[in-house]
N, C-alpha and C. Protein backbone atom coordinates (compact mmCIF):
# COMPACT_ATOMS: atom_id res chain seq x y z
N MET A 1 0.86 -1.18 0.00
CA MET A 1 0.00 0.00 0.00
C MET A 1 0.90 1.23 0.00
N SER A 2 0.52 2.20 -0.79
CA SER A 2 1.34 3.41 -0.89
C SER A 2 1.24 4.25 0.38
N HIS A 3 2.17 5.18 0.51
CA HIS A 3 2.14 6.08 1.67
C HIS A 3 0.88 6.94 1.66
N LYS A 4 0.40 7.31 0.48
CA LYS A 4 -0.83 8.11 0.39
C LYS A 4 -2.01 7.33 0.95
N HIS A 5 -2.10 6.05 0.59
CA HIS A 5 -3.20 5.22 1.10
C HIS A 5 -3.07 5.04 2.61
N ALA A 6 -1.86 4.81 3.08
CA ALA A 6 -1.64 4.63 4.52
C ALA A 6 -2.00 5.91 5.28
N ASN A 7 -1.60 7.06 4.76
CA ASN A 7 -1.94 8.32 5.41
C ASN A 7 -3.44 8.57 5.41
N LEU A 8 -4.11 8.22 4.32
CA LEU A 8 -5.56 8.39 4.26
C LEU A 8 -6.25 7.48 5.26
N LEU A 9 -5.77 6.26 5.39
CA LEU A 9 -6.34 5.34 6.37
C LEU A 9 -6.17 5.90 7.79
N ARG A 10 -5.00 6.45 8.08
CA ARG A 10 -4.77 7.09 9.39
C ARG A 10 -5.72 8.27 9.59
N THR A 11 -5.92 9.07 8.54
CA THR A 11 -6.82 10.22 8.61
C THR A 11 -8.24 9.76 8.91
N ILE A 12 -8.70 8.71 8.26
CA ILE A 12 -10.06 8.21 8.47
C ILE A 12 -10.23 7.69 9.89
N PHE A 13 -9.20 7.04 10.43
CA PHE A 13 -9.32 6.42 11.75
C PHE A 13 -8.95 7.34 12.91
N GLN A 14 -8.50 8.56 12.64
CA GLN A 14 -8.15 9.44 13.76
C GLN A 14 -9.43 9.93 14.44
N ASP A 15 -9.29 10.34 15.71
CA ASP A 15 -10.45 10.75 16.50
C ASP A 15 -11.12 12.01 15.97
N SER A 16 -10.35 13.00 15.60
CA SER A 16 -10.95 14.21 15.05
C SER A 16 -11.07 14.02 13.53
N LEU A 17 -12.29 13.95 13.06
CA LEU A 17 -12.53 13.66 11.65
C LEU A 17 -12.11 14.83 10.77
N SER A 18 -11.42 14.53 9.71
CA SER A 18 -10.94 15.54 8.77
C SER A 18 -12.05 15.93 7.80
N ALA A 19 -12.01 17.17 7.38
CA ALA A 19 -12.96 17.64 6.37
C ALA A 19 -12.24 17.93 5.07
N ASN A 20 -11.08 17.34 4.89
CA ASN A 20 -10.27 17.61 3.70
C ASN A 20 -9.88 16.31 3.00
N VAL A 21 -10.85 15.41 2.86
CA VAL A 21 -10.62 14.14 2.19
C VAL A 21 -11.42 14.14 0.90
N HIS A 22 -10.77 13.86 -0.21
CA HIS A 22 -11.42 13.89 -1.51
C HIS A 22 -11.98 12.50 -1.85
N TRP A 23 -13.11 12.50 -2.52
CA TRP A 23 -13.79 11.25 -2.88
C TRP A 23 -12.88 10.34 -3.69
N ARG A 24 -12.14 10.89 -4.64
CA ARG A 24 -11.29 10.04 -5.49
C ARG A 24 -10.22 9.33 -4.66
N GLU A 25 -9.75 9.96 -3.57
CA GLU A 25 -8.78 9.31 -2.68
C GLU A 25 -9.43 8.15 -1.94
N VAL A 26 -10.67 8.36 -1.48
CA VAL A 26 -11.41 7.29 -0.79
C VAL A 26 -11.65 6.13 -1.74
N GLU A 27 -12.07 6.44 -2.95
CA GLU A 27 -12.33 5.41 -3.95
C GLU A 27 -11.05 4.62 -4.26
N SER A 28 -9.93 5.31 -4.38
CA SER A 28 -8.65 4.65 -4.63
C SER A 28 -8.26 3.74 -3.46
N LEU A 29 -8.45 4.22 -2.23
CA LEU A 29 -8.15 3.41 -1.04
C LEU A 29 -9.02 2.16 -1.00
N LEU A 30 -10.31 2.33 -1.25
CA LEU A 30 -11.22 1.17 -1.23
C LEU A 30 -10.82 0.14 -2.28
N ASN A 31 -10.46 0.61 -3.47
CA ASN A 31 -9.98 -0.30 -4.51
C ASN A 31 -8.72 -1.03 -4.07
N ARG A 32 -7.81 -0.31 -3.43
CA ARG A 32 -6.54 -0.90 -2.96
C ARG A 32 -6.79 -1.95 -1.88
N LEU A 33 -7.83 -1.74 -1.07
CA LEU A 33 -8.17 -2.71 -0.02
C LEU A 33 -8.90 -3.93 -0.58
N GLY A 34 -9.27 -3.86 -1.87
CA GLY A 34 -9.92 -5.00 -2.51
C GLY A 34 -11.43 -4.89 -2.62
N ALA A 35 -11.95 -3.71 -2.40
CA ALA A 35 -13.41 -3.51 -2.47
C ALA A 35 -13.86 -3.45 -3.93
N SER A 36 -15.08 -3.89 -4.15
CA SER A 36 -15.70 -3.66 -5.45
C SER A 36 -16.64 -2.47 -5.29
N ILE A 37 -16.57 -1.55 -6.24
CA ILE A 37 -17.36 -0.33 -6.18
C ILE A 37 -18.19 -0.27 -7.46
N ASP A 38 -19.50 -0.33 -7.29
CA ASP A 38 -20.40 -0.33 -8.43
C ASP A 38 -21.37 0.83 -8.33
N PRO A 39 -21.57 1.57 -9.43
CA PRO A 39 -22.55 2.66 -9.41
C PRO A 39 -23.93 2.12 -9.08
N SER A 40 -24.67 2.88 -8.33
CA SER A 40 -26.04 2.50 -7.98
C SER A 40 -26.96 3.59 -8.50
N HIS A 41 -27.83 4.11 -7.67
CA HIS A 41 -28.76 5.17 -8.05
C HIS A 41 -28.13 6.54 -7.85
N GLY A 42 -28.14 7.38 -8.86
CA GLY A 42 -27.65 8.75 -8.73
C GLY A 42 -26.20 8.80 -8.28
N ALA A 43 -25.96 9.43 -7.13
CA ALA A 43 -24.61 9.59 -6.60
C ALA A 43 -24.24 8.48 -5.63
N ARG A 44 -25.04 7.42 -5.59
CA ARG A 44 -24.77 6.31 -4.67
C ARG A 44 -23.91 5.26 -5.34
N PHE A 45 -23.03 4.67 -4.52
CA PHE A 45 -22.18 3.57 -4.99
C PHE A 45 -22.33 2.40 -4.03
N LYS A 46 -22.49 1.21 -4.60
CA LYS A 46 -22.54 -0.01 -3.80
C LYS A 46 -21.11 -0.49 -3.62
N VAL A 47 -20.69 -0.59 -2.36
CA VAL A 47 -19.32 -0.98 -2.05
C VAL A 47 -19.36 -2.30 -1.28
N THR A 48 -18.59 -3.27 -1.76
CA THR A 48 -18.50 -4.56 -1.09
C THR A 48 -17.03 -4.83 -0.76
N LEU A 49 -16.78 -5.12 0.52
CA LEU A 49 -15.43 -5.38 1.00
C LEU A 49 -15.50 -6.47 2.06
N ASN A 50 -14.72 -7.53 1.87
CA ASN A 50 -14.65 -8.64 2.83
C ASN A 50 -16.04 -9.18 3.19
N GLY A 51 -16.91 -9.27 2.20
CA GLY A 51 -18.24 -9.83 2.42
C GLY A 51 -19.25 -8.86 2.99
N LYS A 52 -18.86 -7.64 3.27
CA LYS A 52 -19.78 -6.61 3.79
C LYS A 52 -20.13 -5.65 2.66
N THR A 53 -21.39 -5.27 2.60
CA THR A 53 -21.86 -4.36 1.56
C THR A 53 -22.50 -3.14 2.19
N ASP A 54 -22.25 -1.99 1.59
CA ASP A 54 -22.85 -0.74 2.06
C ASP A 54 -22.98 0.18 0.85
N PHE A 55 -23.74 1.24 1.02
CA PHE A 55 -23.90 2.24 -0.02
C PHE A 55 -23.27 3.54 0.46
N LEU A 56 -22.41 4.10 -0.37
CA LEU A 56 -21.77 5.37 -0.07
C LEU A 56 -22.24 6.41 -1.08
N HIS A 57 -22.36 7.64 -0.63
CA HIS A 57 -22.83 8.72 -1.48
C HIS A 57 -21.66 9.61 -1.88
N HIS A 58 -21.48 9.77 -3.19
CA HIS A 58 -20.48 10.69 -3.71
C HIS A 58 -20.91 12.11 -3.33
N PRO A 59 -19.99 12.96 -2.88
CA PRO A 59 -20.35 14.35 -2.56
C PRO A 59 -20.97 15.04 -3.78
N HIS A 60 -22.02 15.80 -3.56
CA HIS A 60 -22.77 16.39 -4.68
C HIS A 60 -22.14 17.64 -5.27
N HIS A 61 -21.77 18.60 -4.45
CA HIS A 61 -21.36 19.89 -4.98
C HIS A 61 -19.85 20.12 -4.94
N SER A 62 -19.11 19.17 -4.47
CA SER A 62 -17.65 19.26 -4.50
C SER A 62 -17.11 17.84 -4.43
N SER A 63 -15.82 17.73 -4.53
CA SER A 63 -15.21 16.41 -4.45
C SER A 63 -14.75 16.08 -3.04
N VAL A 64 -14.95 17.00 -2.10
CA VAL A 64 -14.50 16.81 -0.72
C VAL A 64 -15.61 16.12 0.08
N CYS A 65 -15.23 15.10 0.81
CA CYS A 65 -16.18 14.33 1.62
C CYS A 65 -16.51 15.08 2.91
N SER A 66 -17.76 14.98 3.32
CA SER A 66 -18.18 15.60 4.58
C SER A 66 -17.67 14.75 5.75
N ARG A 67 -17.68 15.33 6.93
CA ARG A 67 -17.28 14.58 8.12
C ARG A 67 -18.22 13.40 8.37
N ASP A 68 -19.51 13.59 8.06
CA ASP A 68 -20.47 12.50 8.22
C ASP A 68 -20.14 11.33 7.29
N LEU A 69 -19.74 11.64 6.06
CA LEU A 69 -19.37 10.59 5.11
C LEU A 69 -18.10 9.89 5.57
N ILE A 70 -17.12 10.63 6.08
CA ILE A 70 -15.89 10.01 6.59
C ILE A 70 -16.21 9.08 7.75
N LYS A 71 -17.11 9.50 8.64
CA LYS A 71 -17.52 8.63 9.76
C LYS A 71 -18.21 7.38 9.23
N HIS A 72 -19.05 7.53 8.22
CA HIS A 72 -19.74 6.39 7.62
C HIS A 72 -18.72 5.42 7.00
N ILE A 73 -17.73 5.96 6.31
CA ILE A 73 -16.68 5.13 5.70
C ILE A 73 -15.90 4.41 6.78
N LYS A 74 -15.56 5.11 7.85
CA LYS A 74 -14.83 4.49 8.96
C LYS A 74 -15.64 3.34 9.56
N ASP A 75 -16.93 3.57 9.80
CA ASP A 75 -17.79 2.51 10.35
C ASP A 75 -17.88 1.32 9.40
N PHE A 76 -17.96 1.59 8.11
CA PHE A 76 -18.00 0.51 7.12
C PHE A 76 -16.70 -0.28 7.13
N LEU A 77 -15.57 0.41 7.16
CA LEU A 77 -14.28 -0.28 7.18
C LEU A 77 -14.15 -1.16 8.42
N VAL A 78 -14.58 -0.65 9.57
CA VAL A 78 -14.52 -1.43 10.80
C VAL A 78 -15.39 -2.68 10.67
N SER A 79 -16.60 -2.53 10.13
CA SER A 79 -17.49 -3.68 9.97
C SER A 79 -16.93 -4.70 8.99
N ALA A 80 -16.10 -4.24 8.05
CA ALA A 80 -15.48 -5.13 7.06
C ALA A 80 -14.17 -5.72 7.56
N GLY A 81 -13.80 -5.40 8.80
CA GLY A 81 -12.60 -5.98 9.39
C GLY A 81 -11.32 -5.22 9.11
N VAL A 82 -11.43 -3.99 8.62
CA VAL A 82 -10.25 -3.18 8.37
C VAL A 82 -10.01 -2.29 9.59
N SER A 83 -8.79 -2.33 10.11
CA SER A 83 -8.45 -1.46 11.23
C SER A 83 -7.06 -0.90 11.01
N LEU A 84 -6.83 0.26 11.57
CA LEU A 84 -5.53 0.90 11.44
C LEU A 84 -4.44 0.07 12.12
N SER A 85 -4.73 -0.44 13.31
CA SER A 85 -3.71 -1.22 14.03
C SER A 85 -3.34 -2.50 13.28
N ALA A 86 -4.33 -3.17 12.69
CA ALA A 86 -4.03 -4.39 11.92
C ALA A 86 -3.20 -4.06 10.69
N TYR A 87 -3.52 -2.95 10.04
CA TYR A 87 -2.75 -2.55 8.87
C TYR A 87 -1.32 -2.24 9.25
N GLU A 88 -1.14 -1.44 10.31
CA GLU A 88 0.21 -1.05 10.70
C GLU A 88 1.03 -2.25 11.19
N GLU A 89 0.39 -3.20 11.82
CA GLU A 89 1.09 -4.41 12.27
C GLU A 89 1.56 -5.23 11.07
N ASP A 90 0.72 -5.32 10.03
CA ASP A 90 1.07 -6.09 8.83
C ASP A 90 2.12 -5.42 7.96
N HIS A 91 2.26 -4.09 8.10
CA HIS A 91 3.15 -3.35 7.21
C HIS A 91 4.25 -2.59 7.96
N LYS A 92 4.75 -3.19 9.03
CA LYS A 92 5.88 -2.57 9.74
C LYS A 92 7.08 -2.58 8.83
N GLU A 93 7.82 -1.49 8.93
CA GLU A 93 8.99 -1.39 8.05
C GLU A 93 10.25 -1.75 8.79
């Protein structure tokens, strides 16, 4: 995983949610984690990762994700078994 993906994962899992995360970065991270991302209705995307499925909404008026969307993504990643500590343990340098 690239440093950009690792930094984004840290940003998503930090306690104070960032408001400066772009949708294309999230989409790239999800793809890197092995998720399938399929367009659904309108700005909705069906995301499946490790057997868990959820719907994420692409930001409408900008490419920057809201804090609520980042929290939703974090909750989805946790439910799919993705955690920052597990990632960092697997990728110690």
